[in-house]
PDB file of N, CA and C in Angstrom:
ATOM      1  N   MET A   1       1.067  -1.469   0.132  1.00  0.00           N
ATOM      2  CA  MET A   1      -0.173  -0.389  -0.096  1.00  0.00           C
ATOM      3  C   MET A   1       0.957   1.010  -0.167  1.00  0.00           C
ATOM      4  N   ALA A   2       0.407   2.303  -0.624  1.00  0.00           N
ATOM      5  CA  ALA A   2       1.221   3.276  -0.715  1.00  0.00           C
ATOM      6  C   ALA A   2       1.339   4.485   0.540  1.00  0.00           C
ATOM      7  N   ASN A   3       2.471   5.031   0.534  1.00  0.00           N
ATOM      8  CA  ASN A   3       2.353   6.008   1.783  1.00  0.00           C
ATOM      9  C   ASN A   3       1.849   7.375   1.430  1.00  0.00           C
ATOM     10  N   ILE A   4       1.976   7.533   0.360  1.00  0.00           N
ATOM     11  CA  ILE A   4       2.053   9.391  -0.109  1.00  0.00           C
ATOM     12  C   ILE A   4       0.647   9.374  -0.256  1.00  0.00           C
ATOM     13  N   LYS A   5       0.342  10.388  -0.275  1.00  0.00           N
ATOM     14  CA  LYS A   5      -1.461  10.942  -0.141  1.00  0.00           C
ATOM     15  C   LYS A   5      -1.797  10.679  -1.548  1.00  0.00           C
ATOM     16  N   SER A   6      -0.732  11.523  -2.422  1.00  0.00           N
ATOM     17  CA  SER A   6      -1.565  11.360  -3.892  1.00  0.00           C
ATOM     18  C   SER A   6      -1.750  10.168  -4.479  1.00  0.00           C
ATOM     19  N   GLN A   7      -0.644   9.277  -3.983  1.00  0.00           N
ATOM     20  CA  GLN A   7      -0.701   7.785  -4.619  1.00  0.00           C
ATOM     21  C   GLN A   7      -2.146   7.285  -4.247  1.00  0.00           C
ATOM     22  N   LYS A   8      -2.071   7.303  -2.689  1.00  0.00           N
ATOM     23  CA  LYS A   8      -3.759   6.734  -2.234  1.00  0.00           C
ATOM     24  C   LYS A   8      -4.659   7.435  -3.021  1.00  0.00           C
ATOM     25  N   LYS A   9      -4.757   8.589  -3.361  1.00  0.00           N
ATOM     26  CA  LYS A   9      -5.728   8.944  -4.232  1.00  0.00           C
ATOM     27  C   LYS A   9      -5.817   8.250  -5.752  1.00  0.00           C
ATOM     28  N   ARG A  10      -4.502   8.340  -6.106  1.00  0.00           N
ATOM     29  CA  ARG A  10      -4.761   7.536  -7.397  1.00  0.00           C
ATOM     30  C   ARG A  10      -5.050   6.179  -7.390  1.00  0.00           C
ATOM     31  N   ASN A  11      -4.764   5.449  -6.309  1.00  0.00           N
ATOM     32  CA  ASN A  11      -5.374   4.029  -6.244  1.00  0.00           C
ATOM     33  C   ASN A  11      -6.909   4.052  -6.422  1.00  0.00           C
ATOM     34  N   ILE A  12      -7.205   4.984  -5.540  1.00  0.00           N
ATOM     35  CA  ILE A  12      -8.640   4.953  -5.144  1.00  0.00           C
ATOM     36  C   ILE A  12      -9.294   5.084  -6.894  1.00  0.00           C
ATOM     37  N   GLN A  13      -8.784   6.571  -7.457  1.00  0.00           N
ATOM     38  CA  GLN A  13      -9.406   6.746  -8.787  1.00  0.00           C
ATOM     39  C   GLN A  13      -9.165   5.727  -9.720  1.00  0.00           C
ATOM     40  N   ASN A  14      -8.004   4.966  -9.935  1.00  0.00           N
ATOM     41  CA  ASN A  14      -7.809   3.869 -10.786  1.00  0.00           C
ATOM     42  C   ASN A  14      -8.762   2.492 -10.554  1.00  0.00           C
ATOM     43  N   GLU A  15      -9.250   2.182  -9.443  1.00  0.00           N
ATOM     44  CA  GLU A  15     -10.068   1.203  -8.694  1.00  0.00           C
ATOM     45  C   GLU A  15     -11.514   1.597  -9.604  1.00  0.00           C
ATOM     46  N   LYS A  16     -11.636   3.076  -9.327  1.00  0.00           N
ATOM     47  CA  LYS A  16     -13.406   3.319  -9.591  1.00  0.00           C
ATOM     48  C   LYS A  16     -13.361   3.053 -11.156  1.00  0.00           C
ATOM     49  N   ARG A  17     -12.128   3.591 -11.811  1.00  0.00           N
ATOM     50  CA  ARG A  17     -12.423   3.415 -13.491  1.00  0.00           C
ATOM     51  C   ARG A  17     -12.244   2.375 -13.697  1.00  0.00           C
ATOM     52  N   ARG A  18     -11.383   1.058 -13.183  1.00  0.00           N
ATOM     53  CA  ARG A  18     -11.329  -0.248 -13.410  1.00  0.00           C
ATOM     54  C   ARG A  18     -12.617  -0.632 -13.427  1.00  0.00           C
ATOM     55  N   VAL A  19     -13.566  -0.607 -12.340  1.00  0.00           N
ATOM     56  CA  VAL A  19     -14.929  -1.191 -11.989  1.00  0.00           C
ATOM     57  C   VAL A  19     -16.125  -0.693 -13.368  1.00  0.00           C
ATOM     58  N   ARG A  20     -15.555   0.758 -13.427  1.00  0.00           N
ATOM     59  CA  ARG A  20     -16.710   1.324 -14.642  1.00  0.00           C
ATOM     60  C   ARG A  20     -16.190   0.544 -15.961  1.00  0.00           C
ATOM     61  N   ASN A  21     -14.930   0.275 -16.279  1.00  0.00           N
ATOM     62  CA  ASN A  21     -14.299  -0.072 -17.355  1.00  0.00           C
ATOM     63  C   ASN A  21     -15.098  -1.615 -17.289  1.00  0.00           C
ATOM     64  N   VAL A  22     -15.054  -2.345 -16.730  1.00  0.00           N
ATOM     65  CA  VAL A  22     -15.295  -3.445 -16.763  1.00  0.00           C
ATOM     66  C   VAL A  22     -16.934  -3.943 -17.144  1.00  0.00           C
ATOM     67  N   ALA A  23     -17.740  -2.768 -16.517  1.00  0.00           N
ATOM     68  CA  ALA A  23     -19.112  -2.756 -16.807  1.00  0.00           C
ATOM     69  C   ALA A  23     -19.459  -2.492 -17.911  1.00  0.00           C
ATOM     70  N   VAL A  24     -18.778  -1.339 -18.592  1.00  0.00           N
ATOM     71  CA  VAL A  24     -18.783  -0.987 -19.943  1.00  0.00           C
ATOM     72  C   VAL A  24     -18.431  -1.983 -20.777  1.00  0.00           C
ATOM     73  N   ARG A  25     -17.445  -2.460 -20.808  1.00  0.00           N
ATOM     74  CA  ARG A  25     -16.718  -3.835 -21.830  1.00  0.00           C
ATOM     75  C   ARG A  25     -17.811  -4.835 -21.896  1.00  0.00           C
ATOM     76  N   SER A  26     -18.238  -5.247 -20.531  1.00  0.00           N
ATOM     77  CA  SER A  26     -19.430  -6.181 -20.310  1.00  0.00           C
ATOM     78  C   SER A  26     -20.490  -6.111 -21.246  1.00  0.00           C
ATOM     79  N   GLU A  27     -21.150  -5.011 -21.077  1.00  0.00           N
ATOM     80  CA  GLU A  27     -22.484  -4.258 -21.998  1.00  0.00           C
ATOM     81  C   GLU A  27     -21.976  -3.975 -23.316  1.00  0.00           C
ATOM     82  N   LEU A  28     -20.865  -3.857 -23.537  1.00  0.00           N
ATOM     83  CA  LEU A  28     -20.375  -3.410 -25.027  1.00  0.00           C
ATOM     84  C   LEU A  28     -20.358  -4.972 -25.712  1.00  0.00           C
ATOM     85  N   LYS A  29     -20.054  -5.985 -25.099  1.00  0.00           N
ATOM     86  CA  LYS A  29     -19.972  -7.462 -25.290  1.00  0.00           C
ATOM     87  C   LYS A  29     -21.370  -7.804 -25.575  1.00  0.00           C
ATOM     88  N   THR A  30     -22.307  -7.677 -24.812  1.00  0.00           N
ATOM     89  CA  THR A  30     -23.403  -8.303 -24.842  1.00  0.00           C
ATOM     90  C   THR A  30     -24.217  -7.546 -25.910  1.00  0.00           C
ATOM     91  N   ARG A  31     -24.204  -6.292 -25.801  1.00  0.00           N
ATOM     92  CA  ARG A  31     -25.205  -5.254 -27.179  1.00  0.00           C
ATOM     93  C   ARG A  31     -24.370  -6.007 -28.513  1.00  0.00           C
ATOM     94  N   ILE A  32     -22.929  -6.179 -28.589  1.00  0.00           N
ATOM     95  CA  ILE A  32     -22.841  -6.405 -29.879  1.00  0.00           C
ATOM     96  C   ILE A  32     -23.152  -8.268 -30.429  1.00  0.00           C
ATOM     97  N   LYS A  33     -22.876  -8.844 -29.302  1.00  0.00           N
ATOM     98  CA  LYS A  33     -23.351 -10.494 -29.239  1.00  0.00           C
ATOM     99  C   LYS A  33     -24.929 -10.420 -29.880  1.00  0.00           C
ATOM    100  N   GLY A  34     -25.821  -9.570 -29.020  1.00  0.00           N
ATOM    101  CA  GLY A  34     -27.131  -9.455 -29.329  1.00  0.00           C
ATOM    102  C   GLY A  34     -27.426  -8.752 -30.962  1.00  0.00           C
ATOM    103  N   ALA A  35     -26.669  -7.812 -31.336  1.00  0.00           N
ATOM    104  CA  ALA A  35     -26.659  -7.428 -32.637  1.00  0.00           C
ATOM    105  C   ALA A  35     -26.399  -8.628 -33.756  1.00  0.00           C
ATOM    106  N   THR A  36     -25.170  -9.387 -33.467  1.00  0.00           N
ATOM    107  CA  THR A  36     -24.565  -9.943 -34.329  1.00  0.00           C
ATOM    108  C   THR A  36     -25.770 -11.585 -34.407  1.00  0.00           C
ATOM    109  N   THR A  37     -26.098 -12.044 -33.637  1.00  0.00           N
ATOM    110  CA  THR A  37     -27.112 -13.149 -33.468  1.00  0.00           C
ATOM    111  C   THR A  37     -28.419 -12.507 -34.194  1.00  0.00           C
ATOM    112  N   ALA A  38     -29.300 -11.128 -33.768  1.00  0.00           N
ATOM    113  CA  ALA A  38     -30.272 -10.736 -34.342  1.00  0.00           C
ATOM    114  C   ALA A  38     -29.977 -10.710 -35.627  1.00  0.00           C
ATOM    115  N   ALA A  39     -29.129 -10.306 -36.166  1.00  0.00           N
ATOM    116  CA  ALA A  39     -28.922 -10.319 -37.865  1.00  0.00           C
ATOM    117  C   ALA A  39     -28.840 -11.683 -38.179  1.00  0.00           C
ATOM    118  N   GLU A  40     -28.156 -12.435 -37.954  1.00  0.00           N
ATOM    119  CA  GLU A  40     -27.988 -13.991 -38.511  1.00  0.00           C
ATOM    120  C   GLU A  40     -29.093 -14.712 -38.564  1.00  0.00           C
ATOM    121  N   THR A  41     -29.935 -14.300 -37.583  1.00  0.00           N
ATOM    122  CA  THR A  41     -31.140 -14.938 -37.546  1.00  0.00           C
ATOM    123  C   THR A  41     -32.247 -14.432 -38.044  1.00  0.00           C
ATOM    124  N   GLY A  42     -32.050 -13.119 -38.426  1.00  0.00           N
ATOM    125  CA  GLY A  42     -33.083 -12.533 -39.351  1.00  0.00           C
ATOM    126  C   GLY A  42     -34.200 -12.015 -38.158  1.00  0.00           C
ATOM    127  N   ALA A  43     -33.805 -11.469 -37.113  1.00  0.00           N
ATOM    128  CA  ALA A  43     -34.901 -11.128 -36.007  1.00  0.00           C
ATOM    129  C   ALA A  43     -35.497  -9.871 -36.516  1.00  0.00           C
ATOM    130  N   ASP A  44     -36.931  -9.857 -35.917  1.00  0.00           N
ATOM    131  CA  ASP A  44     -37.545  -8.381 -36.448  1.00  0.00           C
ATOM    132  C   ASP A  44     -36.772  -7.119 -35.719  1.00  0.00           C
ATOM    133  N   ASP A  45     -36.413  -7.096 -34.622  1.00  0.00           N
ATOM    134  CA  ASP A  45     -35.632  -6.221 -33.679  1.00  0.00           C
ATOM    135  C   ASP A  45     -34.068  -6.098 -34.037  1.00  0.00           C
ATOM    136  N   ALA A  46     -33.646  -6.649 -35.288  1.00  0.00           N
ATOM    137  CA  ALA A  46     -31.942  -6.440 -35.259  1.00  0.00           C
ATOM    138  C   ALA A  46     -31.828  -5.474 -35.597  1.00  0.00           C
ATOM    139  N   ALA A  47     -32.342  -4.373 -36.511  1.00  0.00           N
ATOM    140  CA  ALA A  47     -32.031  -3.088 -36.716  1.00  0.00           C
ATOM    141  C   ALA A  47     -31.740  -2.316 -35.599  1.00  0.00           C
ATOM    142  N   GLU A  48     -32.606  -2.514 -34.717  1.00  0.00           N
ATOM    143  CA  GLU A  48     -32.723  -1.858 -33.348  1.00  0.00           C
ATOM    144  C   GLU A  48     -31.419  -2.106 -32.232  1.00  0.00           C
ATOM    145  N   LYS A  49     -31.113  -3.570 -32.326  1.00  0.00           N
ATOM    146  CA  LYS A  49     -30.348  -4.121 -31.755  1.00  0.00           C
ATOM    147  C   LYS A  49     -28.852  -3.397 -32.045  1.00  0.00           C
ATOM    148  N   LEU A  50     -28.944  -3.489 -33.363  1.00  0.00           N
ATOM    149  CA  LEU A  50     -27.590  -2.512 -34.451  1.00  0.00           C
ATOM    150  C   LEU A  50     -27.484  -1.341 -34.034  1.00  0.00           C
ATOM    151  N   VAL A  51     -28.340  -0.362 -33.791  1.00  0.00           N
ATOM    152  CA  VAL A  51     -28.225   0.713 -33.642  1.00  0.00           C
ATOM    153  C   VAL A  51     -27.840   0.960 -31.886  1.00  0.00           C
ATOM    154  N   LEU A  52     -28.581   0.088 -31.058  1.00  0.00           N
ATOM    155  CA  LEU A  52     -27.842   0.073 -29.530  1.00  0.00           C
ATOM    156  C   LEU A  52     -26.455  -0.061 -29.661  1.00  0.00           C
ATOM    157  N   ALA A  53     -25.666  -1.192 -30.324  1.00  0.00           N
ATOM    158  CA  ALA A  53     -24.587  -1.795 -30.345  1.00  0.00           C
ATOM    159  C   ALA A  53     -23.810  -0.442 -31.014  1.00  0.00           C
ATOM    160  N   GLN A  54     -24.117   0.170 -31.741  1.00  0.00           N
ATOM    161  CA  GLN A  54     -23.269   1.165 -32.325  1.00  0.00           C
ATOM    162  C   GLN A  54     -23.154   2.246 -31.406  1.00  0.00           C
ATOM    163  N   LYS A  55     -24.410   2.637 -30.737  1.00  0.00           N
ATOM    164  CA  LYS A  55     -24.310   3.793 -29.787  1.00  0.00           C
ATOM    165  C   LYS A  55     -23.572   3.542 -28.645  1.00  0.00           C
ATOM    166  N   ARG A  56     -23.362   2.069 -28.101  1.00  0.00           N
ATOM    167  CA  ARG A  56     -22.337   1.615 -26.781  1.00  0.00           C
ATOM    168  C   ARG A  56     -21.143   1.809 -27.232  1.00  0.00           C
ATOM    169  N   LEU A  57     -20.758   1.516 -28.527  1.00  0.00           N
ATOM    170  CA  LEU A  57     -19.213   1.726 -29.128  1.00  0.00           C
ATOM    171  C   LEU A  57     -18.917   2.858 -29.240  1.00  0.00           C
ATOM    172  N   GLY A  58     -19.750   3.872 -29.492  1.00  0.00           N
ATOM    173  CA  GLY A  58     -19.232   5.017 -29.704  1.00  0.00           C
ATOM    174  C   GLY A  58     -19.115   5.955 -28.322  1.00  0.00           C
ATOM    175  N   LYS A  59     -20.156   5.410 -27.586  1.00  0.00           N
ATOM    176  CA  LYS A  59     -20.159   5.978 -25.789  1.00  0.00           C
ATOM    177  C   LYS A  59     -18.874   5.399 -25.410  1.00  0.00           C
ATOM    178  N   SER A  60     -18.497   4.114 -25.518  1.00  0.00           N
ATOM    179  CA  SER A  60     -17.408   3.697 -24.810  1.00  0.00           C
ATOM    180  C   SER A  60     -16.214   4.071 -25.202  1.00  0.00           C
ATOM    181  N   ALA A  61     -16.018   4.452 -26.527  1.00  0.00           N
ATOM    182  CA  ALA A  61     -14.790   5.250 -27.179  1.00  0.00           C
ATOM    183  C   ALA A  61     -14.560   6.636 -26.595  1.00  0.00           C
ATOM    184  N   ALA A  62     -15.396   7.061 -26.325  1.00  0.00           N
ATOM    185  CA  ALA A  62     -15.963   8.637 -25.947  1.00  0.00           C
ATOM    186  C   ALA A  62     -15.125   8.742 -24.378  1.00  0.00           C
ATOM    187  N   LEU A  63     -15.729   7.455 -23.733  1.00  0.00           N
ATOM    188  CA  LEU A  63     -15.289   7.386 -22.303  1.00  0.00           C
ATOM    189  C   LEU A  63     -13.849   7.013 -22.110  1.00  0.00           C
ATOM    190  N   GLY A  64     -13.398   6.710 -23.150  1.00  0.00           N
ATOM    191  CA  GLY A  64     -12.055   6.228 -23.154  1.00  0.00           C
ATOM    192  C   GLY A  64     -11.658   4.583 -23.005  1.00  0.00           C
ATOM    193  N   VAL A  65     -13.094   4.010 -22.479  1.00  0.00           N
ATOM    194  CA  VAL A  65     -12.722   2.386 -22.306  1.00  0.00           C
ATOM    195  C   VAL A  65     -12.185   1.571 -23.318  1.00  0.00           C
ATOM    196  N   VAL A  66     -12.409   1.976 -24.710  1.00  0.00           N
ATOM    197  CA  VAL A  66     -11.728   1.199 -25.993  1.00  0.00           C
ATOM    198  C   VAL A  66     -11.329   2.297 -26.820  1.00  0.00           C
ATOM    199  N   HIS A  67     -10.294   2.038 -27.630  1.00  0.00           N
ATOM    200  CA  HIS A  67      -9.708   3.365 -28.176  1.00  0.00           C
ATOM    201  C   HIS A  67     -10.683   3.484 -29.463  1.00  0.00           C
ATOM    202  N   LYS A  68     -10.653   4.587 -29.866  1.00  0.00           N
ATOM    203  CA  LYS A  68     -11.340   5.065 -31.028  1.00  0.00           C
ATOM    204  C   LYS A  68     -11.622   4.096 -32.432  1.00  0.00           C
ATOM    205  N   ASN A  69     -10.356   4.094 -32.635  1.00  0.00           N
ATOM    206  CA  ASN A  69     -10.237   3.082 -34.064  1.00  0.00           C
ATOM    207  C   ASN A  69     -10.706   1.630 -34.059  1.00  0.00           C
ATOM    208  N   GLN A  70     -10.628   0.930 -32.460  1.00  0.00           N
ATOM    209  CA  GLN A  70     -11.203   0.067 -32.070  1.00  0.00           C
ATOM    210  C   GLN A  70     -12.774   0.046 -32.311  1.00  0.00           C
ATOM    211  N   ALA A  71     -13.095   0.824 -31.824  1.00  0.00           N
ATOM    212  CA  ALA A  71     -14.688   1.399 -31.865  1.00  0.00           C
ATOM    213  C   ALA A  71     -15.355   1.241 -33.322  1.00  0.00           C
ATOM    214  N   ALA A  72     -14.407   1.912 -34.063  1.00  0.00           N
ATOM    215  CA  ALA A  72     -14.895   2.285 -35.607  1.00  0.00           C
ATOM    216  C   ALA A  72     -14.651   0.853 -36.181  1.00  0.00           C
ATOM    217  N   ARG A  73     -13.635  -0.017 -35.869  1.00  0.00           N
ATOM    218  CA  ARG A  73     -13.623  -1.173 -36.436  1.00  0.00           C
ATOM    219  C   ARG A  73     -14.449  -1.962 -36.430  1.00  0.00           C
ATOM    220  N   ARG A  74     -15.071  -2.155 -34.832  1.00  0.00           N
ATOM    221  CA  ARG A  74     -15.852  -2.833 -34.388  1.00  0.00           C
ATOM    222  C   ARG A  74     -17.392  -2.524 -35.299  1.00  0.00           C
ATOM    223  N   THR A  75     -17.586  -1.303 -35.280  1.00  0.00           N
ATOM    224  CA  THR A  75     -18.491  -0.935 -35.847  1.00  0.00           C
ATOM    225  C   THR A  75     -18.931  -1.153 -37.263  1.00  0.00           C
ATOM    226  N   SER A  76     -17.701  -1.154 -37.737  1.00  0.00           N
ATOM    227  CA  SER A  76     -17.677  -1.510 -39.342  1.00  0.00           C
ATOM    228  C   SER A  76     -17.772  -2.678 -39.669  1.00  0.00           C
ATOM    229  N   ARG A  77     -17.295  -3.488 -38.987  1.00  0.00           N
ATOM    230  CA  ARG A  77     -17.552  -5.145 -38.979  1.00  0.00           C
ATOM    231  C   ARG A  77     -19.073  -5.534 -38.448  1.00  0.00           C
ATOM    232  N   LEU A  78     -19.539  -4.921 -37.904  1.00  0.00           N
ATOM    233  CA  LEU A  78     -21.139  -5.038 -37.454  1.00  0.00           C
ATOM    234  C   LEU A  78     -21.750  -4.859 -38.412  1.00  0.00           C
ATOM    235  N   MET A  79     -21.606  -3.604 -39.115  1.00  0.00           N
ATOM    236  CA  MET A  79     -22.377  -3.523 -40.652  1.00  0.00           C
ATOM    237  C   MET A  79     -22.282  -4.125 -41.502  1.00  0.00           C
ATOM    238  N   LYS A  80     -20.858  -4.774 -41.606  1.00  0.00           N
ATOM    239  CA  LYS A  80     -20.874  -5.615 -42.587  1.00  0.00           C
ATOM    240  C   LYS A  80     -21.560  -7.150 -42.724  1.00  0.00           C
ATOM    241  N   ALA A  81     -21.464  -7.506 -41.488  1.00  0.00           N
ATOM    242  CA  ALA A  81     -22.279  -8.695 -41.047  1.00  0.00           C
ATOM    243  C   ALA A  81     -23.888  -8.479 -41.011  1.00  0.00           C
ATOM    244  N   ALA A  82     -24.221  -7.105 -40.896  1.00  0.00           N
ATOM    245  CA  ALA A  82     -25.547  -7.158 -40.462  1.00  0.00           C
ATOM    246  C   ALA A  82     -25.941  -7.048 -42.114  1.00  0.00           C
ATOM    247  N   ASN A  83     -25.396  -6.372 -43.178  1.00  0.00           N
ATOM    248  CA  ASN A  83     -25.571  -6.104 -44.341  1.00  0.00           C
ATOM    249  C   ASN A  83     -25.590  -7.420 -45.269  1.00  0.00           C
ATOM    250  N   ARG A  84     -24.455  -8.060 -45.035  1.00  0.00           N
ATOM    251  CA  ARG A  84     -24.636  -9.487 -45.399  1.00  0.00           C
ATOM    252  C   ARG A  84     -25.567 -10.448 -45.210  1.00  0.00           C
ATOM    253  N   ALA A  85     -26.021 -10.343 -43.948  1.00  0.00           N
ATOM    254  CA  ALA A  85     -27.106 -11.287 -43.507  1.00  0.00           C
ATOM    255  C   ALA A  85     -28.399 -10.626 -43.961  1.00  0.00           C
ATOM    256  N   GLN A  86     -28.482  -9.391 -44.129  1.00  0.00           N
ATOM    257  CA  GLN A  86     -29.593  -8.990 -44.846  1.00  0.00           C
ATOM    258  C   GLN A  86     -29.641  -9.180 -46.376  1.00  0.00           C
ATOM    259  N   ALA A  87     -28.584  -9.333 -47.122  1.00  0.00           N
ATOM    260  CA  ALA A  87     -28.785  -9.701 -48.451  1.00  0.00           C
ATOM    261  C   ALA A  87     -28.804 -10.949 -48.900  1.00  0.00           C
ATOM    262  N   ASP A  88     -28.533 -11.955 -47.644  1.00  0.00           N
ATOM    263  CA  ASP A  88     -28.848 -13.287 -47.831  1.00  0.00           C
ATOM    264  C   ASP A  88     -30.146 -13.699 -47.587  1.00  0.00           C
ATOM    265  N   SER A  89     -30.691 -12.812 -46.721  1.00  0.00           N
ATOM    266  CA  SER A  89     -32.341 -13.447 -46.381  1.00  0.00           C
ATOM    267  C   SER A  89     -33.380 -13.016 -47.543  1.00  0.00           C
TER     268      SER A  89
END
């Protein structure tokens, strides 16, 4: 454990951020998985789930949880998969 007051504060801040980041990443995975499965199965709410996944990706990039390029790449791949699934059906 740190002895310096500023380092103690930094440790508390880091823990708060870590907990938030874990929650955001978990939700992000859930949203992406939901959007991909909905697109593959051709569900009625596939477009809605896709929008929610894109929104969450953008938000997590804005928060700094994931890199903005990673968010853009994942959004692009998600859209490609959704378009491919829509073209097939």
